[in-house]
Amino acid sequence: METTMEKPKASGRLLDVDEQAFRREFDRTSFMVKHQLADHPLFKFEKLFELVQARKENNKDIYFDMGDIKINQRWDQTPARSLSVEEAFNRLEQANAWIIIRHIQKDPAYLKILEDCMAEVEKLSGLDFKRFVKAKDAIFFLNSPGRVTPYHIDRECNILLQIRGDKYIYVFDKNDRTVITEEELERFWTVDNNAATYKEQHQNRSTEYLLKPGTGVHVPVGCPHWVKNGGGVSISLSINFHYRNFVKANLYRANYYMRKMGLKPTPPGKSKVGDAMKRGVIGGLTKARRMFKKESLYS
C-alpha cells in the first residue's frame, strides 16, 4: 500500500505535520511528514562535495559502497569499491553507489539545522530530550539511480527527509513477529547488526512510502525497512537520535544469553517481575564493563 499525505497548511516550522497524530504515533508506527528543507542552500551538490572532501579520510564520518545490492544483502557482503569516494560522488548517475556522510552537525551551519529540527520533534512528541536522549545526529544519504538499501533495523529513532530525487521506502511493523522474530531482535541488540532477515513472502505486510523532495517518513526504533531509489540521483537527510536508556535493549540481550543456555525466555513486556530482574542483571554488568573496560563481562 502506497502512503501519501495531503499538502499541509503553512506553519512557519521546518516540519509540517498533524500535531496530535505526531504525538500519538511517534516512535510507535511509521508515518509521513512534510518539510521545508528541500531548497536549503547547504544541501546543494557543491556543498555536499565540500563535506565529502573535508571528511574523506575519516571512516567514522564517511561510508560508501558500490555495485548491485540485493534486499537481503548483509552489510559485510557488499562488493569491493572501484572508485574513491570523490569519484563515486562525481559519478553518482552511473556508479550505482551509496554514500553516507555522518555527523554533519560538526559543522556549525548544519548543527543549527539539526538543533532546530530536534527542537520541533521534542515539542511535537512531548518527550523531554534532556531526560531521554543520549545522542543526536544528522546524516546525508546519497544514492545512485535504482540503488537498493538492504532490509535492516536501526537503533536510532529517525525522521528521513527527502531533499532531491525520489525513492520508495518499505517500512514494516516492529511488533509483527511474523516479520521479525524475537530471536532476530535478541541477536540484533547483542551481537549482529544484520540479524533482521528479509522474508519476501511477507513483503505485503509493509507500508510503502513514496518520498519526493519536501516529504519524509518517520521510522521508529526497530522497524524493519528497505529502500529502492528512483530513476535519478537521490539526496536524503536523516535527523535521528539514540535514547539514553533503551529499556528493551537489555531485555533482548538477557534473552539472547538465556536462549544460548538452552532456556526459553519470555519476550519483553510479558512479565514485569522477569523484565525487572533482567534489566537489573544486564544493567549491572554493563556498568561493571564500563568501569573495568572488559568486554568479556557481557558473557
C-alpha atoms as a PDB file:
ATOM      1  CA  MET A   1       0.000   0.000   0.000  1.00  0.00           C
ATOM      2  CA  GLU A   2       1.440   3.370  -1.011  1.00  0.00           C
ATOM      3  CA  THR A   3       1.018   6.127   1.527  1.00  0.00           C
ATOM      4  CA  THR A   4       0.816   9.794   0.592  1.00  0.00           C
ATOM      5  CA  MET A   5      -0.009  12.935   2.526  1.00  0.00           C
ATOM      6  CA  GLU A   6      -2.236  15.895   1.814  1.00  0.00           C
ATOM      7  CA  LYS A   7      -0.492  19.216   1.352  1.00  0.00           C
ATOM      8  CA  PRO A   8      -0.234  20.842   4.806  1.00  0.00           C
ATOM      9  CA  LYS A   9      -1.036  24.381   5.666  1.00  0.00           C
ATOM     10  CA  ALA A  10       1.899  26.774   6.034  1.00  0.00           C
ATOM     11  CA  SER A  11       3.058  26.680   9.646  1.00  0.00           C
ATOM     12  CA  GLY A  12       6.368  28.531   9.792  1.00  0.00           C
ATOM     13  CA  ARG A  13       8.013  25.328  11.037  1.00  0.00           C
ATOM     14  CA  LEU A  14      10.581  23.109   9.342  1.00  0.00           C
ATOM     15  CA  LEU A  15       8.244  20.125   9.788  1.00  0.00           C
ATOM     16  CA  ASP A  16       4.607  20.293   8.699  1.00  0.00           C
ATOM     17  CA  VAL A  17       2.564  17.621  10.470  1.00  0.00           C
ATOM     18  CA  ASP A  18      -0.672  16.969  12.274  1.00  0.00           C
ATOM     19  CA  GLU A  19       0.453  17.685  15.834  1.00  0.00           C
ATOM     20  CA  GLN A  20      -1.979  15.336  17.574  1.00  0.00           C
ATOM     21  CA  ALA A  21      -1.233  12.466  15.194  1.00  0.00           C
ATOM     22  CA  PHE A  22       2.518  13.057  15.524  1.00  0.00           C
ATOM     23  CA  ARG A  23       2.429  12.776  19.310  1.00  0.00           C
ATOM     24  CA  ARG A  24       0.118   9.766  19.221  1.00  0.00           C
ATOM     25  CA  GLU A  25       2.147   7.785  16.671  1.00  0.00           C
ATOM     26  CA  PHE A  26       5.729   8.950  17.308  1.00  0.00           C
ATOM     27  CA  ASP A  27       8.118   6.001  17.778  1.00  0.00           C
ATOM     28  CA  ARG A  28       5.145   3.626  17.690  1.00  0.00           C
ATOM     29  CA  THR A  29       4.468   3.409  13.969  1.00  0.00           C
ATOM     30  CA  SER A  30       5.805   4.927  10.751  1.00  0.00           C
ATOM     31  CA  PHE A  31       4.120   7.919   9.136  1.00  0.00           C
ATOM     32  CA  MET A  32       4.777  10.596   6.525  1.00  0.00           C
ATOM     33  CA  VAL A  33       5.725  14.218   7.165  1.00  0.00           C
ATOM     34  CA  LYS A  34       6.156  17.353   5.081  1.00  0.00           C
ATOM     35  CA  HIS A  35       9.197  19.613   5.491  1.00  0.00           C
ATOM     36  CA  GLN A  36      10.600  22.950   4.321  1.00  0.00           C
ATOM     37  CA  LEU A  37      14.263  21.959   3.821  1.00  0.00           C
ATOM     38  CA  ALA A  38      14.373  20.726   0.227  1.00  0.00           C
ATOM     39  CA  ASP A  39      15.662  24.039  -1.159  1.00  0.00           C
ATOM     40  CA  HIS A  40      18.125  24.792   1.623  1.00  0.00           C
ATOM     41  CA  PRO A  41      21.397  26.182   0.155  1.00  0.00           C
ATOM     42  CA  LEU A  42      23.512  23.932   2.395  1.00  0.00           C
ATOM     43  CA  PHE A  43      22.027  20.877   0.669  1.00  0.00           C
ATOM     44  CA  LYS A  44      23.279  21.731  -2.824  1.00  0.00           C
ATOM     45  CA  PHE A  45      25.656  19.306  -4.529  1.00  0.00           C
ATOM     46  CA  GLU A  46      28.644  21.625  -4.282  1.00  0.00           C
ATOM     47  CA  LYS A  47      28.183  21.986  -0.512  1.00  0.00           C
ATOM     48  CA  LEU A  48      27.867  18.238  -0.044  1.00  0.00           C
ATOM     49  CA  PHE A  49      31.013  17.699  -2.117  1.00  0.00           C
ATOM     50  CA  GLU A  50      32.851  20.056   0.238  1.00  0.00           C
ATOM     51  CA  LEU A  51      31.726  17.865   3.134  1.00  0.00           C
ATOM     52  CA  VAL A  52      32.975  14.746   1.338  1.00  0.00           C
ATOM     53  CA  GLN A  53      36.349  16.323   0.616  1.00  0.00           C
ATOM     54  CA  ALA A  54      36.758  17.504   4.206  1.00  0.00           C
ATOM     55  CA  ARG A  55      35.922  14.098   5.703  1.00  0.00           C
ATOM     56  CA  LYS A  56      37.099  11.565   3.138  1.00  0.00           C
ATOM     57  CA  GLU A  57      39.898  10.278   5.397  1.00  0.00           C
ATOM     58  CA  ASN A  58      37.615   9.676   8.365  1.00  0.00           C
ATOM     59  CA  ASN A  59      35.856   6.295   8.177  1.00  0.00           C
ATOM     60  CA  LYS A  60      33.572   7.282  11.043  1.00  0.00           C
ATOM     61  CA  ASP A  61      32.221  10.234   9.070  1.00  0.00           C
ATOM     62  CA  ILE A  62      32.150   8.784   5.549  1.00  0.00           C
ATOM     63  CA  TYR A  63      30.923   5.432   4.306  1.00  0.00           C
ATOM     64  CA  PHE A  64      30.298   4.391   0.727  1.00  0.00           C
ATOM     65  CA  ASP A  65      29.862   1.255  -1.327  1.00  0.00           C
ATOM     66  CA  MET A  66      29.117   0.396  -4.940  1.00  0.00           C
ATOM     67  CA  GLY A  67      27.582  -2.326  -7.054  1.00  0.00           C
ATOM     68  CA  ASP A  68      24.399  -4.333  -7.318  1.00  0.00           C
ATOM     69  CA  ILE A  69      22.837  -4.776  -3.876  1.00  0.00           C
ATOM     70  CA  LYS A  70      20.051  -7.192  -3.001  1.00  0.00           C
ATOM     71  CA  ILE A  71      17.286  -6.505  -0.499  1.00  0.00           C
ATOM     72  CA  ASN A  72      18.583  -9.291   1.774  1.00  0.00           C
ATOM     73  CA  GLN A  73      22.271  -8.392   1.462  1.00  0.00           C
ATOM     74  CA  ARG A  74      24.350  -8.236   4.639  1.00  0.00           C
ATOM     75  CA  TRP A  75      26.344  -5.070   5.334  1.00  0.00           C
ATOM     76  CA  ASP A  76      29.553  -7.141   5.433  1.00  0.00           C
ATOM     77  CA  GLN A  77      28.933  -8.654   1.974  1.00  0.00           C
ATOM     78  CA  THR A  78      28.984  -5.523  -0.174  1.00  0.00           C
ATOM     79  CA  PRO A  79      31.145  -5.613  -3.335  1.00  0.00           C
ATOM     80  CA  ALA A  80      34.649  -4.161  -3.381  1.00  0.00           C
ATOM     81  CA  ARG A  81      34.844  -0.460  -4.286  1.00  0.00           C
ATOM     82  CA  SER A  82      36.500   0.519  -7.559  1.00  0.00           C
ATOM     83  CA  LEU A  83      36.448   4.304  -7.096  1.00  0.00           C
ATOM     84  CA  SER A  84      37.383   6.814  -4.426  1.00  0.00           C
ATOM     85  CA  VAL A  85      34.545   8.467  -2.550  1.00  0.00           C
ATOM     86  CA  GLU A  86      35.127  11.693  -4.512  1.00  0.00           C
ATOM     87  CA  GLU A  87      34.942   9.809  -7.815  1.00  0.00           C
ATOM     88  CA  ALA A  88      31.820   7.957  -6.678  1.00  0.00           C
ATOM     89  CA  PHE A  89      30.222  11.307  -5.745  1.00  0.00           C
ATOM     90  CA  ASN A  90      31.005  12.853  -9.125  1.00  0.00           C
ATOM     91  CA  ARG A  91      29.704   9.763 -10.960  1.00  0.00           C
ATOM     92  CA  LEU A  92      26.573   9.145  -8.909  1.00  0.00           C
ATOM     93  CA  GLU A  93      24.456   8.961 -12.068  1.00  0.00           C
ATOM     94  CA  GLN A  94      26.353   5.845 -13.240  1.00  0.00           C
ATOM     95  CA  ALA A  95      28.297   4.476 -10.246  1.00  0.00           C
ATOM     96  CA  ASN A  96      25.476   2.501  -8.584  1.00  0.00           C
ATOM     97  CA  ALA A  97      26.788   3.943  -5.324  1.00  0.00           C
ATOM     98  CA  TRP A  98      25.530   4.697  -1.844  1.00  0.00           C
ATOM     99  CA  ILE A  99      27.347   7.433   0.103  1.00  0.00           C
ATOM    100  CA  ILE A 100      26.717   8.240   3.758  1.00  0.00           C
ATOM    101  CA  ILE A 101      28.006  11.482   5.311  1.00  0.00           C
ATOM    102  CA  ARG A 102      27.646  11.128   9.076  1.00  0.00           C
ATOM    103  CA  HIS A 103      27.772  13.659  11.901  1.00  0.00           C
ATOM    104  CA  ILE A 104      27.310  16.652   9.616  1.00  0.00           C
ATOM    105  CA  GLN A 105      26.457  18.701  12.712  1.00  0.00           C
ATOM    106  CA  LYS A 106      30.200  19.003  13.384  1.00  0.00           C
ATOM    107  CA  ASP A 107      29.888  21.957  11.021  1.00  0.00           C
ATOM    108  CA  PRO A 108      28.148  24.802  12.935  1.00  0.00           C
ATOM    109  CA  ALA A 109      25.869  25.643   9.991  1.00  0.00           C
ATOM    110  CA  TYR A 110      24.495  22.097   9.877  1.00  0.00           C
ATOM    111  CA  LEU A 111      24.346  21.948  13.667  1.00  0.00           C
ATOM    112  CA  LYS A 112      21.789  24.768  13.588  1.00  0.00           C
ATOM    113  CA  ILE A 113      19.570  22.721  11.258  1.00  0.00           C
ATOM    114  CA  LEU A 114      19.811  19.645  13.497  1.00  0.00           C
ATOM    115  CA  GLU A 115      19.030  21.666  16.628  1.00  0.00           C
ATOM    116  CA  ASP A 116      16.050  23.387  15.004  1.00  0.00           C
ATOM    117  CA  CYS A 117      14.616  20.083  13.771  1.00  0.00           C
ATOM    118  CA  MET A 118      15.184  18.372  17.105  1.00  0.00           C
ATOM    119  CA  ALA A 119      13.532  21.225  18.975  1.00  0.00           C
ATOM    120  CA  GLU A 120      10.428  20.750  16.840  1.00  0.00           C
ATOM    121  CA  VAL A 121      10.482  16.953  17.301  1.00  0.00           C
ATOM    122  CA  GLU A 122      10.830  17.362  21.058  1.00  0.00           C
ATOM    123  CA  LYS A 123       7.865  19.725  21.224  1.00  0.00           C
ATOM    124  CA  LEU A 124       5.712  17.657  18.876  1.00  0.00           C
ATOM    125  CA  SER A 125       6.489  14.327  20.562  1.00  0.00           C
ATOM    126  CA  GLY A 126       6.096  15.592  24.125  1.00  0.00           C
ATOM    127  CA  LEU A 127       9.397  13.953  25.134  1.00  0.00           C
ATOM    128  CA  ASP A 128      11.887  15.624  27.461  1.00  0.00           C
ATOM    129  CA  PHE A 129      15.055  15.161  25.418  1.00  0.00           C
ATOM    130  CA  LYS A 130      17.289  16.065  28.373  1.00  0.00           C
ATOM    131  CA  ARG A 131      15.956  13.010  30.178  1.00  0.00           C
ATOM    132  CA  PHE A 132      15.570  10.525  27.348  1.00  0.00           C
ATOM    133  CA  VAL A 133      18.010  11.379  24.549  1.00  0.00           C
ATOM    134  CA  LYS A 134      21.651  10.321  24.670  1.00  0.00           C
ATOM    135  CA  ALA A 135      22.927  11.475  21.280  1.00  0.00           C
ATOM    136  CA  LYS A 136      21.564  13.353  18.247  1.00  0.00           C
ATOM    137  CA  ASP A 137      22.872  13.034  14.722  1.00  0.00           C
ATOM    138  CA  ALA A 138      22.284  14.357  11.214  1.00  0.00           C
ATOM    139  CA  ILE A 139      23.270  12.223   8.221  1.00  0.00           C
ATOM    140  CA  PHE A 140      23.164  12.661   4.461  1.00  0.00           C
ATOM    141  CA  PHE A 141      22.380   9.684   2.216  1.00  0.00           C
ATOM    142  CA  LEU A 142      23.297   9.985  -1.464  1.00  0.00           C
ATOM    143  CA  ASN A 143      22.040   7.234  -3.794  1.00  0.00           C
ATOM    144  CA  SER A 144      22.571   6.415  -7.442  1.00  0.00           C
ATOM    145  CA  PRO A 145      19.508   5.785  -9.634  1.00  0.00           C
ATOM    146  CA  GLY A 146      17.800   2.479  -8.843  1.00  0.00           C
ATOM    147  CA  ARG A 147      20.094   1.730  -5.924  1.00  0.00           C
ATOM    148  CA  VAL A 148      18.730  -0.521  -3.149  1.00  0.00           C
ATOM    149  CA  THR A 149      19.418  -0.068   0.563  1.00  0.00           C
ATOM    150  CA  PRO A 150      19.112  -3.555   2.113  1.00  0.00           C
ATOM    151  CA  TYR A 151      16.497  -4.633   4.645  1.00  0.00           C
ATOM    152  CA  HIS A 152      17.552  -3.751   8.197  1.00  0.00           C
ATOM    153  CA  ILE A 153      16.534  -2.281  11.538  1.00  0.00           C
ATOM    154  CA  ASP A 154      18.117   0.664  13.365  1.00  0.00           C
ATOM    155  CA  ARG A 155      18.901   1.528  16.955  1.00  0.00           C
ATOM    156  CA  GLU A 156      18.073   5.179  16.429  1.00  0.00           C
ATOM    157  CA  CYS A 157      14.729   6.935  16.199  1.00  0.00           C
ATOM    158  CA  ASN A 158      14.679   8.521  12.772  1.00  0.00           C
ATOM    159  CA  ILE A 159      12.956  11.050  10.531  1.00  0.00           C
ATOM    160  CA  LEU A 160      14.151  10.689   6.932  1.00  0.00           C
ATOM    161  CA  LEU A 161      13.652  13.852   4.859  1.00  0.00           C
ATOM    162  CA  GLN A 162      13.842  13.739   1.070  1.00  0.00           C
ATOM    163  CA  ILE A 163      15.871  16.596  -0.446  1.00  0.00           C
ATOM    164  CA  ARG A 164      16.408  15.621  -4.100  1.00  0.00           C
ATOM    165  CA  GLY A 165      15.063  12.879  -6.363  1.00  0.00           C
ATOM    166  CA  ASP A 166      12.573  10.282  -5.256  1.00  0.00           C
ATOM    167  CA  LYS A 167      12.657   6.879  -3.609  1.00  0.00           C
ATOM    168  CA  TYR A 168      10.397   4.220  -2.196  1.00  0.00           C
ATOM    169  CA  ILE A 169      10.835   3.087   1.382  1.00  0.00           C
ATOM    170  CA  TYR A 170       9.084  -0.009   2.693  1.00  0.00           C
ATOM    171  CA  VAL A 171       8.533   0.004   6.461  1.00  0.00           C
ATOM    172  CA  PHE A 172       7.283  -2.952   8.487  1.00  0.00           C
ATOM    173  CA  ASP A 173       5.558  -3.031  11.863  1.00  0.00           C
ATOM    174  CA  LYS A 174       8.169  -3.531  14.591  1.00  0.00           C
ATOM    175  CA  ASN A 175       5.632  -5.539  16.616  1.00  0.00           C
ATOM    176  CA  ASP A 176       4.826  -8.018  13.853  1.00  0.00           C
ATOM    177  CA  ARG A 177       6.597 -11.234  14.914  1.00  0.00           C
ATOM    178  CA  THR A 178       5.772 -12.827  11.575  1.00  0.00           C
ATOM    179  CA  VAL A 179       8.100 -10.269  10.016  1.00  0.00           C
ATOM    180  CA  ILE A 180      10.759 -10.009  12.740  1.00  0.00           C
ATOM    181  CA  THR A 181      11.152 -12.720  15.369  1.00  0.00           C
ATOM    182  CA  GLU A 182      12.201 -12.484  18.994  1.00  0.00           C
ATOM    183  CA  GLU A 183      15.396 -14.375  18.139  1.00  0.00           C
ATOM    184  CA  GLU A 184      16.284 -11.840  15.446  1.00  0.00           C
ATOM    185  CA  LEU A 185      15.758  -8.954  17.859  1.00  0.00           C
ATOM    186  CA  GLU A 186      17.852 -10.671  20.521  1.00  0.00           C
ATOM    187  CA  ARG A 187      20.739 -11.156  18.096  1.00  0.00           C
ATOM    188  CA  PHE A 188      20.433  -7.612  16.752  1.00  0.00           C
ATOM    189  CA  TRP A 189      20.674  -5.957  20.167  1.00  0.00           C
ATOM    190  CA  THR A 190      23.502  -8.243  21.283  1.00  0.00           C
ATOM    191  CA  VAL A 191      25.843  -9.483  18.547  1.00  0.00           C
ATOM    192  CA  ASP A 192      24.675  -8.968  14.943  1.00  0.00           C
ATOM    193  CA  ASN A 193      23.641  -5.775  13.153  1.00  0.00           C
ATOM    194  CA  ASN A 194      22.386  -7.937  10.265  1.00  0.00           C
ATOM    195  CA  ALA A 195      20.158 -10.146  12.392  1.00  0.00           C
ATOM    196  CA  ALA A 196      16.911  -8.941  10.777  1.00  0.00           C
ATOM    197  CA  THR A 197      16.168 -11.374   7.926  1.00  0.00           C
ATOM    198  CA  TYR A 198      14.119 -10.298   4.922  1.00  0.00           C
ATOM    199  CA  LYS A 199      11.169 -12.601   4.263  1.00  0.00           C
ATOM    200  CA  GLU A 200       9.958 -11.970   0.735  1.00  0.00           C
ATOM    201  CA  GLN A 201       6.693 -13.806   1.354  1.00  0.00           C
ATOM    202  CA  HIS A 202       5.750 -11.104   3.877  1.00  0.00           C
ATOM    203  CA  GLN A 203       6.596  -8.074   1.737  1.00  0.00           C
ATOM    204  CA  ASN A 204       2.876  -7.256   1.545  1.00  0.00           C
ATOM    205  CA  ARG A 205       2.921  -6.551   5.293  1.00  0.00           C
ATOM    206  CA  SER A 206       4.998  -3.407   4.723  1.00  0.00           C
ATOM    207  CA  THR A 207       3.754   0.132   4.201  1.00  0.00           C
ATOM    208  CA  GLU A 208       5.099   1.674   1.010  1.00  0.00           C
ATOM    209  CA  TYR A 209       6.024   5.368   1.129  1.00  0.00           C
ATOM    210  CA  LEU A 210       6.935   7.339  -1.979  1.00  0.00           C
ATOM    211  CA  LEU A 211       9.309  10.109  -0.926  1.00  0.00           C
ATOM    212  CA  LYS A 212       9.729  13.208  -3.066  1.00  0.00           C
ATOM    213  CA  PRO A 213      11.502  16.499  -2.250  1.00  0.00           C
ATOM    214  CA  GLY A 214       9.684  18.156   0.630  1.00  0.00           C
ATOM    215  CA  THR A 215       8.341  14.897   2.059  1.00  0.00           C
ATOM    216  CA  GLY A 216       9.728  12.475   4.612  1.00  0.00           C
ATOM    217  CA  VAL A 217       8.940   9.482   6.763  1.00  0.00           C
ATOM    218  CA  HIS A 218       9.299   8.737  10.454  1.00  0.00           C
ATOM    219  CA  VAL A 219      10.843   5.316  11.157  1.00  0.00           C
ATOM    220  CA  PRO A 220      10.610   4.265  14.832  1.00  0.00           C
ATOM    221  CA  VAL A 221      13.365   2.340  16.610  1.00  0.00           C
ATOM    222  CA  GLY A 222      13.362  -1.283  15.492  1.00  0.00           C
ATOM    223  CA  CYS A 223      11.028  -1.012  12.485  1.00  0.00           C
ATOM    224  CA  PRO A 224      12.392  -3.211   9.667  1.00  0.00           C
ATOM    225  CA  HIS A 225      12.682  -1.359   6.371  1.00  0.00           C
ATOM    226  CA  TRP A 226      14.404  -1.258   2.989  1.00  0.00           C
ATOM    227  CA  VAL A 227      14.730   1.373   0.268  1.00  0.00           C
ATOM    228  CA  LYS A 228      14.550   1.420  -3.523  1.00  0.00           C
ATOM    229  CA  ASN A 229      15.832   4.581  -5.187  1.00  0.00           C
ATOM    230  CA  GLY A 230      14.014   6.162  -8.106  1.00  0.00           C
ATOM    231  CA  GLY A 231      15.282   6.956 -11.591  1.00  0.00           C
ATOM    232  CA  GLY A 232      17.548   9.853 -10.604  1.00  0.00           C
ATOM    233  CA  VAL A 233      20.179  10.722  -8.022  1.00  0.00           C
ATOM    234  CA  SER A 234      18.686  10.960  -4.539  1.00  0.00           C
ATOM    235  CA  ILE A 235      19.704  13.065  -1.535  1.00  0.00           C
ATOM    236  CA  SER A 236      18.077  12.402   1.833  1.00  0.00           C
ATOM    237  CA  LEU A 237      18.687  13.918   5.261  1.00  0.00           C
ATOM    238  CA  SER A 238      18.289  11.732   8.330  1.00  0.00           C
ATOM    239  CA  ILE A 239      17.522  13.512  11.603  1.00  0.00           C
ATOM    240  CA  ASN A 240      17.853  10.937  14.361  1.00  0.00           C
ATOM    241  CA  PHE A 241      18.642  10.304  17.992  1.00  0.00           C
ATOM    242  CA  HIS A 242      19.509   7.482  20.378  1.00  0.00           C
ATOM    243  CA  TYR A 243      17.586   7.020  23.594  1.00  0.00           C
ATOM    244  CA  ARG A 244      19.643   7.346  26.763  1.00  0.00           C
ATOM    245  CA  ASN A 245      18.441   4.014  28.100  1.00  0.00           C
ATOM    246  CA  PHE A 246      16.512   1.935  25.608  1.00  0.00           C
ATOM    247  CA  VAL A 247      14.830  -0.376  28.086  1.00  0.00           C
ATOM    248  CA  LYS A 248      14.058  -3.259  25.731  1.00  0.00           C
ATOM    249  CA  ALA A 249      17.677  -3.487  24.559  1.00  0.00           C
ATOM    250  CA  ASN A 250      18.876  -5.028  27.825  1.00  0.00           C
ATOM    251  CA  LEU A 251      15.868  -7.345  27.923  1.00  0.00           C
ATOM    252  CA  TYR A 252      16.711  -8.673  24.480  1.00  0.00           C
ATOM    253  CA  ARG A 253      20.359  -9.075  25.499  1.00  0.00           C
ATOM    254  CA  ALA A 254      19.361 -11.031  28.584  1.00  0.00           C
ATOM    255  CA  ASN A 255      17.067 -13.229  26.495  1.00  0.00           C
ATOM    256  CA  TYR A 256      19.843 -13.843  23.966  1.00  0.00           C
ATOM    257  CA  TYR A 257      22.126 -15.312  26.616  1.00  0.00           C
ATOM    258  CA  MET A 258      19.291 -17.238  28.235  1.00  0.00           C
ATOM    259  CA  ARG A 259      18.450 -18.799  24.866  1.00  0.00           C
ATOM    260  CA  LYS A 260      22.108 -19.773  24.359  1.00  0.00           C
ATOM    261  CA  MET A 261      21.880 -21.599  27.696  1.00  0.00           C
ATOM    262  CA  GLY A 262      19.009 -23.678  26.352  1.00  0.00           C
ATOM    263  CA  LEU A 263      16.258 -21.729  28.087  1.00  0.00           C
ATOM    264  CA  LYS A 264      13.100 -20.324  26.532  1.00  0.00           C
ATOM    265  CA  PRO A 265      12.985 -16.698  27.698  1.00  0.00           C
ATOM    266  CA  THR A 266       9.784 -14.700  27.963  1.00  0.00           C
ATOM    267  CA  PRO A 267       9.552 -11.824  25.435  1.00  0.00           C
ATOM    268  CA  PRO A 268       9.794  -8.267  26.827  1.00  0.00           C
ATOM    269  CA  GLY A 269       6.531  -6.961  28.232  1.00  0.00           C
ATOM    270  CA  LYS A 270       5.115 -10.335  29.227  1.00  0.00           C
ATOM    271  CA  SER A 271       6.355 -10.378  32.839  1.00  0.00           C
ATOM    272  CA  LYS A 272       7.034  -7.240  34.894  1.00  0.00           C
ATOM    273  CA  VAL A 273       8.986  -9.187  37.504  1.00  0.00           C
ATOM    274  CA  GLY A 274      11.054 -11.056  34.939  1.00  0.00           C
ATOM    275  CA  ASP A 275      11.787  -7.869  32.981  1.00  0.00           C
ATOM    276  CA  ALA A 276      12.895  -6.078  36.146  1.00  0.00           C
ATOM    277  CA  MET A 277      15.314  -8.880  37.025  1.00  0.00           C
ATOM    278  CA  LYS A 278      16.795  -8.952  33.518  1.00  0.00           C
ATOM    279  CA  ARG A 279      17.231  -5.174  33.444  1.00  0.00           C
ATOM    280  CA  GLY A 280      18.975  -5.286  36.805  1.00  0.00           C
ATOM    281  CA  VAL A 281      21.408  -8.029  35.837  1.00  0.00           C
ATOM    282  CA  ILE A 282      22.338  -6.698  32.386  1.00  0.00           C
ATOM    283  CA  GLY A 283      22.411  -3.108  33.623  1.00  0.00           C
ATOM    284  CA  GLY A 284      24.787  -4.072  36.428  1.00  0.00           C
ATOM    285  CA  LEU A 285      27.085  -5.964  34.064  1.00  0.00           C
ATOM    286  CA  THR A 286      27.086  -3.041  31.650  1.00  0.00           C
ATOM    287  CA  LYS A 287      28.190  -0.644  34.403  1.00  0.00           C
ATOM    288  CA  ALA A 288      30.857  -3.092  35.503  1.00  0.00           C
ATOM    289  CA  ARG A 289      32.102  -3.479  31.944  1.00  0.00           C
ATOM    290  CA  ARG A 290      32.451   0.289  31.595  1.00  0.00           C
ATOM    291  CA  MET A 291      34.186   0.534  34.949  1.00  0.00           C
ATOM    292  CA  PHE A 292      36.729  -2.180  34.233  1.00  0.00           C
ATOM    293  CA  LYS A 293      36.703  -1.863  30.436  1.00  0.00           C
ATOM    294  CA  LYS A 294      36.393  -5.611  29.954  1.00  0.00           C
ATOM    295  CA  GLU A 295      34.163  -6.691  27.097  1.00  0.00           C
ATOM    296  CA  SER A 296      34.148 -10.261  28.458  1.00  0.00           C
ATOM    297  CA  LEU A 297      31.874  -9.161  31.290  1.00  0.00           C
ATOM    298  CA  TYR A 298      28.963  -9.306  28.817  1.00  0.00           C
ATOM    299  CA  SER A 299      29.324 -13.083  28.637  1.00  0.00           C
END
